[in-house]
């Protein structure tokens, strides 16, 4: 049985995400195309939230969680508390803290008081705050 064309799959999910409050954008469409196309066994996505507003981020992460534990694995970096809601992390999800001081990465349990949980929480900000600092880099003059 032939699979549905990629465009039809993307359009269906875009419509579903829009019903959940997402705003359709080129960034969201590109992300869905990558996620739904045949490709590698897993993906690594740097700043999953890039180019997406808060309602879109919330709809997207809800969609990704509904895929279930048998879906193709995703590894993504995020600084958004809309994407990484520590209270909503499921049993099939893992948080890896990569400290700014370049210490070894560690797995973090999303429970108040657990080692690294506070550090993860302080790295997260709302999409509105993240938008204000987009493109800002820290550097030390020579």
N, C-alpha and C. Protein backbone atom coordinates (compact mmCIF):
# COMPACT_ATOMS: atom_id res chain seq x y z
N UNK A 1 0.84 -1.18 0.00
CA UNK A 1 0.00 0.00 0.00
C UNK A 1 0.89 1.24 0.00
N UNK A 2 0.73 2.15 -0.95
CA UNK A 2 1.59 3.33 -1.01
C UNK A 2 1.30 4.27 0.16
N UNK A 3 2.37 4.93 0.60
CA UNK A 3 2.21 5.90 1.69
C UNK A 3 1.71 7.22 1.11
N UNK A 4 1.05 7.98 1.95
CA UNK A 4 0.55 9.28 1.51
C UNK A 4 1.73 10.18 1.19
N UNK A 5 1.55 11.05 0.22
CA UNK A 5 2.63 11.98 -0.11
C UNK A 5 2.99 12.85 1.10
N UNK A 6 4.24 13.22 1.17
CA UNK A 6 4.75 14.02 2.27
C UNK A 6 3.94 15.30 2.46
N UNK A 7 3.61 15.99 1.38
CA UNK A 7 2.86 17.25 1.49
C UNK A 7 1.53 17.04 2.19
N UNK A 8 0.84 15.95 1.88
CA UNK A 8 -0.45 15.68 2.52
C UNK A 8 -0.27 15.44 4.02
N UNK A 9 0.78 14.73 4.40
CA UNK A 9 1.06 14.50 5.82
C UNK A 9 1.35 15.81 6.53
N UNK A 10 2.20 16.63 5.92
CA UNK A 10 2.57 17.91 6.53
C UNK A 10 1.34 18.80 6.65
N UNK A 11 0.54 18.88 5.59
CA UNK A 11 -0.66 19.72 5.64
C UNK A 11 -1.63 19.27 6.72
N UNK A 12 -1.78 17.96 6.90
CA UNK A 12 -2.68 17.43 7.93
C UNK A 12 -2.19 17.82 9.33
N UNK A 13 -0.91 17.69 9.56
CA UNK A 13 -0.37 18.02 10.88
C UNK A 13 -0.39 19.53 11.10
N UNK A 14 -0.09 20.32 10.07
CA UNK A 14 -0.19 21.77 10.20
C UNK A 14 -1.60 22.19 10.60
N UNK A 15 -2.61 21.56 9.99
CA UNK A 15 -4.00 21.88 10.32
C UNK A 15 -4.31 21.50 11.76
N UNK A 16 -3.83 20.35 12.18
CA UNK A 16 -4.04 19.90 13.56
C UNK A 16 -3.35 20.83 14.55
N UNK A 17 -2.13 21.22 14.24
CA UNK A 17 -1.39 22.14 15.11
C UNK A 17 -2.09 23.50 15.16
N UNK A 18 -2.62 23.96 14.03
CA UNK A 18 -3.35 25.23 14.00
C UNK A 18 -4.59 25.14 14.88
N UNK A 19 -5.25 23.99 14.87
CA UNK A 19 -6.41 23.79 15.75
C UNK A 19 -6.01 23.88 17.22
N UNK A 20 -4.75 23.55 17.51
CA UNK A 20 -4.24 23.61 18.88
C UNK A 20 -3.59 24.96 19.21
N UNK A 21 -3.70 25.93 18.29
CA UNK A 21 -3.20 27.27 18.57
C UNK A 21 -1.92 27.67 17.87
N UNK A 22 -1.34 26.77 17.09
CA UNK A 22 -0.08 27.08 16.40
C UNK A 22 -0.33 28.04 15.24
N UNK A 23 0.71 28.81 14.94
CA UNK A 23 0.70 29.71 13.79
C UNK A 23 1.57 29.08 12.71
N UNK A 24 0.99 28.85 11.55
CA UNK A 24 1.75 28.25 10.45
C UNK A 24 2.82 29.23 9.99
N UNK A 25 4.02 28.71 9.79
CA UNK A 25 5.15 29.55 9.37
C UNK A 25 6.11 28.69 8.56
N UNK A 26 7.01 29.33 7.84
CA UNK A 26 8.03 28.55 7.12
C UNK A 26 8.88 27.71 8.07
N UNK A 27 9.17 28.22 9.27
CA UNK A 27 9.99 27.47 10.22
C UNK A 27 9.26 26.20 10.66
N UNK A 28 7.98 26.30 10.96
CA UNK A 28 7.20 25.14 11.38
C UNK A 28 7.06 24.14 10.24
N UNK A 29 6.79 24.62 9.06
CA UNK A 29 6.66 23.74 7.89
C UNK A 29 7.96 23.00 7.63
N UNK A 30 9.08 23.71 7.66
CA UNK A 30 10.38 23.07 7.43
C UNK A 30 10.67 22.00 8.47
N UNK A 31 10.34 22.29 9.71
CA UNK A 31 10.55 21.33 10.78
C UNK A 31 9.72 20.07 10.57
N UNK A 32 8.45 20.25 10.20
CA UNK A 32 7.58 19.09 9.96
C UNK A 32 8.04 18.28 8.75
N UNK A 33 8.47 18.95 7.70
CA UNK A 33 8.98 18.24 6.52
C UNK A 33 10.16 17.35 6.93
N UNK A 34 11.07 17.91 7.72
CA UNK A 34 12.23 17.15 8.16
C UNK A 34 11.80 15.96 9.03
N UNK A 35 10.86 16.20 9.93
CA UNK A 35 10.43 15.13 10.84
C UNK A 35 9.67 14.01 10.14
N UNK A 36 8.93 14.35 9.09
CA UNK A 36 8.06 13.37 8.44
C UNK A 36 8.70 12.68 7.24
N UNK A 37 9.72 13.27 6.68
CA UNK A 37 10.37 12.69 5.50
C UNK A 37 11.16 11.45 5.90
N UNK A 38 11.34 10.57 4.93
CA UNK A 38 12.24 9.44 5.17
C UNK A 38 13.61 10.02 5.42
N UNK A 39 14.31 9.44 6.35
CA UNK A 39 15.63 9.98 6.67
C UNK A 39 16.32 9.13 7.70
N UNK A 40 17.19 9.76 8.45
CA UNK A 40 17.98 9.01 9.43
C UNK A 40 17.11 8.41 10.54
N UNK A 41 17.70 7.49 11.27
CA UNK A 41 16.98 6.81 12.34
C UNK A 41 16.64 7.74 13.50
N UNK A 42 17.37 8.84 13.62
CA UNK A 42 17.09 9.82 14.66
C UNK A 42 17.54 11.19 14.18
N UNK A 43 17.03 12.22 14.84
CA UNK A 43 17.40 13.59 14.49
C UNK A 43 17.98 14.29 15.70
N UNK A 44 18.90 15.21 15.44
CA UNK A 44 19.40 16.14 16.45
C UNK A 44 19.02 17.52 15.93
N UNK A 45 18.24 18.23 16.75
CA UNK A 45 17.74 19.54 16.33
C UNK A 45 18.23 20.59 17.32
N UNK A 46 18.97 21.55 16.82
CA UNK A 46 19.48 22.64 17.67
C UNK A 46 18.41 23.73 17.74
N UNK A 47 17.98 24.07 18.94
CA UNK A 47 16.96 25.08 19.19
C UNK A 47 15.67 24.79 18.42
N UNK A 48 15.01 23.75 18.83
CA UNK A 48 13.75 23.32 18.24
C UNK A 48 12.78 24.48 18.11
N UNK A 49 12.82 25.41 19.04
CA UNK A 49 11.85 26.52 19.09
C UNK A 49 12.16 27.66 18.13
N UNK A 50 13.28 27.64 17.45
CA UNK A 50 13.72 28.76 16.61
C UNK A 50 12.64 29.15 15.60
N UNK A 51 12.22 30.40 15.64
CA UNK A 51 11.25 30.92 14.68
C UNK A 51 9.80 30.61 15.02
N UNK A 52 9.54 30.03 16.19
CA UNK A 52 8.18 29.65 16.57
C UNK A 52 7.73 30.47 17.79
N UNK A 53 6.51 30.99 17.75
CA UNK A 53 5.99 31.74 18.89
C UNK A 53 5.53 30.76 19.99
N UNK A 54 5.14 31.30 21.15
CA UNK A 54 4.79 30.46 22.30
C UNK A 54 3.65 29.48 22.01
N UNK A 55 2.52 29.93 21.45
CA UNK A 55 1.45 28.95 21.19
C UNK A 55 1.88 27.85 20.21
N UNK A 56 2.71 28.20 19.25
CA UNK A 56 3.18 27.20 18.29
C UNK A 56 4.11 26.21 18.98
N UNK A 57 4.98 26.71 19.84
CA UNK A 57 5.87 25.81 20.59
C UNK A 57 5.08 24.84 21.45
N UNK A 58 4.05 25.35 22.12
CA UNK A 58 3.24 24.49 22.99
C UNK A 58 2.48 23.45 22.18
N UNK A 59 1.93 23.84 21.04
CA UNK A 59 1.22 22.88 20.18
C UNK A 59 2.20 21.85 19.62
N UNK A 60 3.38 22.30 19.23
CA UNK A 60 4.38 21.39 18.65
C UNK A 60 4.84 20.35 19.66
N UNK A 61 5.18 20.78 20.87
CA UNK A 61 5.67 19.80 21.84
C UNK A 61 4.57 18.83 22.23
N UNK A 62 3.32 19.30 22.28
CA UNK A 62 2.20 18.38 22.56
C UNK A 62 2.09 17.35 21.44
N UNK A 63 2.22 17.78 20.19
CA UNK A 63 2.19 16.84 19.06
C UNK A 63 3.35 15.84 19.16
N UNK A 64 4.55 16.33 19.45
CA UNK A 64 5.70 15.43 19.53
C UNK A 64 5.52 14.40 20.64
N UNK A 65 4.95 14.81 21.75
CA UNK A 65 4.72 13.87 22.86
C UNK A 65 3.65 12.84 22.50
N UNK A 66 2.68 13.22 21.72
CA UNK A 66 1.62 12.27 21.32
C UNK A 66 2.14 11.19 20.38
N UNK A 67 3.29 11.41 19.75
CA UNK A 67 3.84 10.40 18.84
C UNK A 67 4.16 9.11 19.58
N UNK A 68 4.46 9.20 20.85
CA UNK A 68 4.71 8.02 21.67
C UNK A 68 6.15 7.53 21.62
N UNK A 69 6.46 6.56 22.48
CA UNK A 69 7.83 6.08 22.62
C UNK A 69 8.34 5.25 21.45
N UNK A 70 7.47 4.82 20.56
CA UNK A 70 7.91 4.00 19.42
C UNK A 70 8.29 4.84 18.20
N UNK A 71 8.06 6.14 18.27
CA UNK A 71 8.39 7.03 17.15
C UNK A 71 9.90 7.20 17.03
N UNK A 72 10.32 7.68 15.89
CA UNK A 72 11.74 7.95 15.66
C UNK A 72 12.26 8.87 16.76
N UNK A 73 13.38 8.53 17.39
CA UNK A 73 13.91 9.36 18.48
C UNK A 73 14.32 10.75 18.01
N UNK A 74 14.12 11.71 18.89
CA UNK A 74 14.55 13.08 18.64
C UNK A 74 15.48 13.50 19.77
N UNK A 75 16.55 14.15 19.43
CA UNK A 75 17.42 14.80 20.40
C UNK A 75 17.36 16.27 20.05
N UNK A 76 16.93 17.09 20.97
CA UNK A 76 16.92 18.51 20.64
C UNK A 76 17.40 19.35 21.80
N UNK A 77 18.00 20.45 21.42
CA UNK A 77 18.45 21.45 22.38
C UNK A 77 17.37 22.51 22.44
N UNK A 78 17.13 23.00 23.64
CA UNK A 78 16.14 24.06 23.79
C UNK A 78 16.50 24.93 24.96
N UNK A 79 16.08 26.17 24.88
CA UNK A 79 16.19 27.10 26.00
C UNK A 79 14.80 27.61 26.35
N UNK A 80 13.77 27.01 25.77
CA UNK A 80 12.39 27.47 25.93
C UNK A 80 11.65 26.67 26.99
N UNK A 81 11.02 27.39 27.92
CA UNK A 81 10.23 26.68 28.92
C UNK A 81 8.87 26.25 28.37
N UNK A 82 8.53 26.68 27.17
CA UNK A 82 7.33 26.16 26.50
C UNK A 82 7.62 24.79 25.91
N UNK A 83 8.83 24.58 25.45
CA UNK A 83 9.23 23.28 24.91
C UNK A 83 9.58 22.32 26.04
N UNK A 84 10.38 22.77 26.99
CA UNK A 84 10.78 21.92 28.11
C UNK A 84 10.08 22.41 29.37
N UNK A 85 8.89 21.89 29.58
CA UNK A 85 8.14 22.14 30.80
C UNK A 85 8.52 21.01 31.75
N UNK A 86 9.29 21.33 32.77
CA UNK A 86 9.82 20.29 33.66
C UNK A 86 8.72 19.47 34.34
N UNK A 87 7.54 20.06 34.49
CA UNK A 87 6.43 19.33 35.11
C UNK A 87 5.75 18.37 34.13
N UNK A 88 6.04 18.49 32.85
CA UNK A 88 5.35 17.68 31.85
C UNK A 88 6.24 16.60 31.22
N UNK A 89 7.47 16.48 31.67
CA UNK A 89 8.40 15.51 31.08
C UNK A 89 7.89 14.10 31.35
N UNK A 90 7.81 13.32 30.28
CA UNK A 90 7.29 11.96 30.39
C UNK A 90 8.38 10.94 30.69
N UNK A 91 7.94 9.73 31.01
CA UNK A 91 8.87 8.65 31.37
C UNK A 91 9.77 8.26 30.20
N UNK A 92 9.33 8.51 28.97
CA UNK A 92 10.13 8.16 27.79
C UNK A 92 11.00 9.32 27.31
N UNK A 93 11.16 10.35 28.16
CA UNK A 93 11.97 11.51 27.81
C UNK A 93 13.16 11.61 28.78
N UNK A 94 14.27 12.12 28.28
CA UNK A 94 15.47 12.28 29.09
C UNK A 94 15.97 13.71 28.94
N UNK A 95 16.35 14.30 30.06
CA UNK A 95 16.94 15.64 30.04
C UNK A 95 18.43 15.47 30.28
N UNK A 96 19.23 16.03 29.40
CA UNK A 96 20.68 16.00 29.55
C UNK A 96 21.15 17.43 29.71
N UNK A 97 21.78 17.72 30.83
CA UNK A 97 22.32 19.05 31.09
C UNK A 97 23.76 19.10 30.59
N UNK A 98 24.02 20.06 29.71
CA UNK A 98 25.38 20.30 29.23
C UNK A 98 25.81 21.63 29.86
N UNK A 99 26.52 21.58 30.97
CA UNK A 99 26.85 22.80 31.71
C UNK A 99 27.68 23.79 30.89
N UNK A 100 27.41 25.07 31.15
CA UNK A 100 28.13 26.15 30.45
C UNK A 100 29.62 26.12 30.75
N UNK A 101 30.02 25.54 31.88
CA UNK A 101 31.44 25.50 32.23
C UNK A 101 32.16 24.32 31.58
N UNK A 102 31.48 23.65 30.67
CA UNK A 102 32.02 22.53 29.89
C UNK A 102 32.31 21.29 30.74
N UNK A 103 31.69 21.18 31.91
CA UNK A 103 31.77 19.94 32.68
C UNK A 103 31.08 18.85 31.87
N UNK A 104 31.23 17.63 32.30
CA UNK A 104 30.60 16.52 31.59
C UNK A 104 29.08 16.65 31.63
N UNK A 105 28.41 16.32 30.53
CA UNK A 105 26.95 16.32 30.53
C UNK A 105 26.42 15.31 31.55
N UNK A 106 25.26 15.61 32.12
CA UNK A 106 24.65 14.72 33.09
C UNK A 106 23.16 14.60 32.82
N UNK A 107 22.62 13.44 33.12
CA UNK A 107 21.17 13.25 33.05
C UNK A 107 20.54 13.89 34.28
N UNK A 108 19.42 14.55 34.06
CA UNK A 108 18.75 15.26 35.13
C UNK A 108 17.33 14.74 35.28
N UNK A 109 16.97 14.43 36.50
CA UNK A 109 15.61 14.04 36.82
C UNK A 109 14.80 15.32 37.06
N UNK A 110 13.67 15.47 36.39
CA UNK A 110 12.90 16.72 36.52
C UNK A 110 12.07 16.77 37.80
N UNK A 111 12.77 16.70 38.93
CA UNK A 111 12.13 16.77 40.24
C UNK A 111 12.87 17.81 41.06
N UNK A 112 12.11 18.73 41.66
CA UNK A 112 12.74 19.77 42.48
C UNK A 112 13.71 19.15 43.48
N UNK A 113 14.90 19.69 43.53
CA UNK A 113 15.92 19.20 44.45
C UNK A 113 16.83 18.15 43.85
N UNK A 114 16.47 17.59 42.71
CA UNK A 114 17.32 16.59 42.07
C UNK A 114 18.57 17.28 41.52
N UNK A 115 19.71 16.57 41.55
CA UNK A 115 20.94 17.18 41.03
C UNK A 115 20.77 17.68 39.60
N UNK A 116 21.08 18.94 39.39
CA UNK A 116 21.02 19.55 38.06
C UNK A 116 19.68 20.14 37.68
N UNK A 117 18.62 19.83 38.42
CA UNK A 117 17.29 20.31 38.05
C UNK A 117 17.20 21.83 38.11
N UNK A 118 17.76 22.42 39.14
CA UNK A 118 17.74 23.89 39.25
C UNK A 118 18.56 24.53 38.14
N UNK A 119 19.68 23.92 37.80
CA UNK A 119 20.52 24.45 36.72
C UNK A 119 19.76 24.43 35.39
N UNK A 120 19.04 23.34 35.13
CA UNK A 120 18.24 23.27 33.90
C UNK A 120 17.17 24.35 33.93
N UNK A 121 16.48 24.47 35.04
CA UNK A 121 15.39 25.45 35.16
C UNK A 121 15.89 26.87 34.91
N UNK A 122 17.10 27.19 35.37
CA UNK A 122 17.62 28.55 35.18
C UNK A 122 18.07 28.81 33.75
N UNK A 123 18.24 27.75 32.96
CA UNK A 123 18.61 27.92 31.55
C UNK A 123 17.40 28.20 30.67
N UNK A 124 16.22 27.94 31.20
CA UNK A 124 15.00 28.07 30.40
C UNK A 124 14.38 29.45 30.58
N UNK A 125 13.75 29.93 29.52
CA UNK A 125 13.02 31.19 29.58
C UNK A 125 11.82 31.10 28.66
N UNK A 126 10.88 32.01 28.85
CA UNK A 126 9.69 32.01 28.01
C UNK A 126 10.07 32.39 26.58
N UNK A 127 9.25 32.02 25.62
CA UNK A 127 9.53 32.39 24.23
C UNK A 127 9.66 33.91 24.05
N UNK A 128 8.90 34.67 24.81
CA UNK A 128 8.97 36.13 24.70
C UNK A 128 10.35 36.65 25.14
N UNK A 129 10.86 36.11 26.24
CA UNK A 129 12.19 36.51 26.72
C UNK A 129 13.25 36.05 25.74
N UNK A 130 13.13 34.82 25.26
CA UNK A 130 14.11 34.30 24.29
C UNK A 130 14.11 35.16 23.02
N UNK A 131 12.95 35.63 22.59
CA UNK A 131 12.88 36.46 21.38
C UNK A 131 13.63 37.78 21.57
N UNK A 132 13.58 38.32 22.78
CA UNK A 132 14.28 39.58 23.04
C UNK A 132 15.79 39.43 22.95
N UNK A 133 16.29 38.24 23.20
CA UNK A 133 17.73 38.03 23.19
C UNK A 133 18.22 37.25 21.96
N UNK A 134 17.34 37.01 21.01
CA UNK A 134 17.72 36.25 19.82
C UNK A 134 18.85 36.97 19.07
N UNK A 135 19.87 36.23 18.75
CA UNK A 135 20.99 36.77 18.00
C UNK A 135 22.04 37.46 18.86
N UNK A 136 21.79 37.62 20.15
CA UNK A 136 22.75 38.26 21.04
C UNK A 136 23.81 37.26 21.40
N UNK A 137 25.05 37.67 21.31
CA UNK A 137 26.15 36.81 21.72
C UNK A 137 27.03 37.56 22.70
N UNK A 138 27.64 36.81 23.59
CA UNK A 138 28.56 37.40 24.55
C UNK A 138 29.98 37.24 23.99
N UNK A 139 30.75 38.29 24.09
CA UNK A 139 32.14 38.21 23.66
C UNK A 139 32.95 39.19 24.46
N UNK A 140 34.20 38.86 24.57
CA UNK A 140 35.13 39.69 25.31
C UNK A 140 36.03 40.40 24.30
N UNK A 141 36.09 41.74 24.38
CA UNK A 141 36.96 42.45 23.44
C UNK A 141 38.42 41.99 23.56
N UNK A 142 39.11 42.03 22.44
CA UNK A 142 40.52 41.62 22.43
C UNK A 142 41.39 42.58 23.20
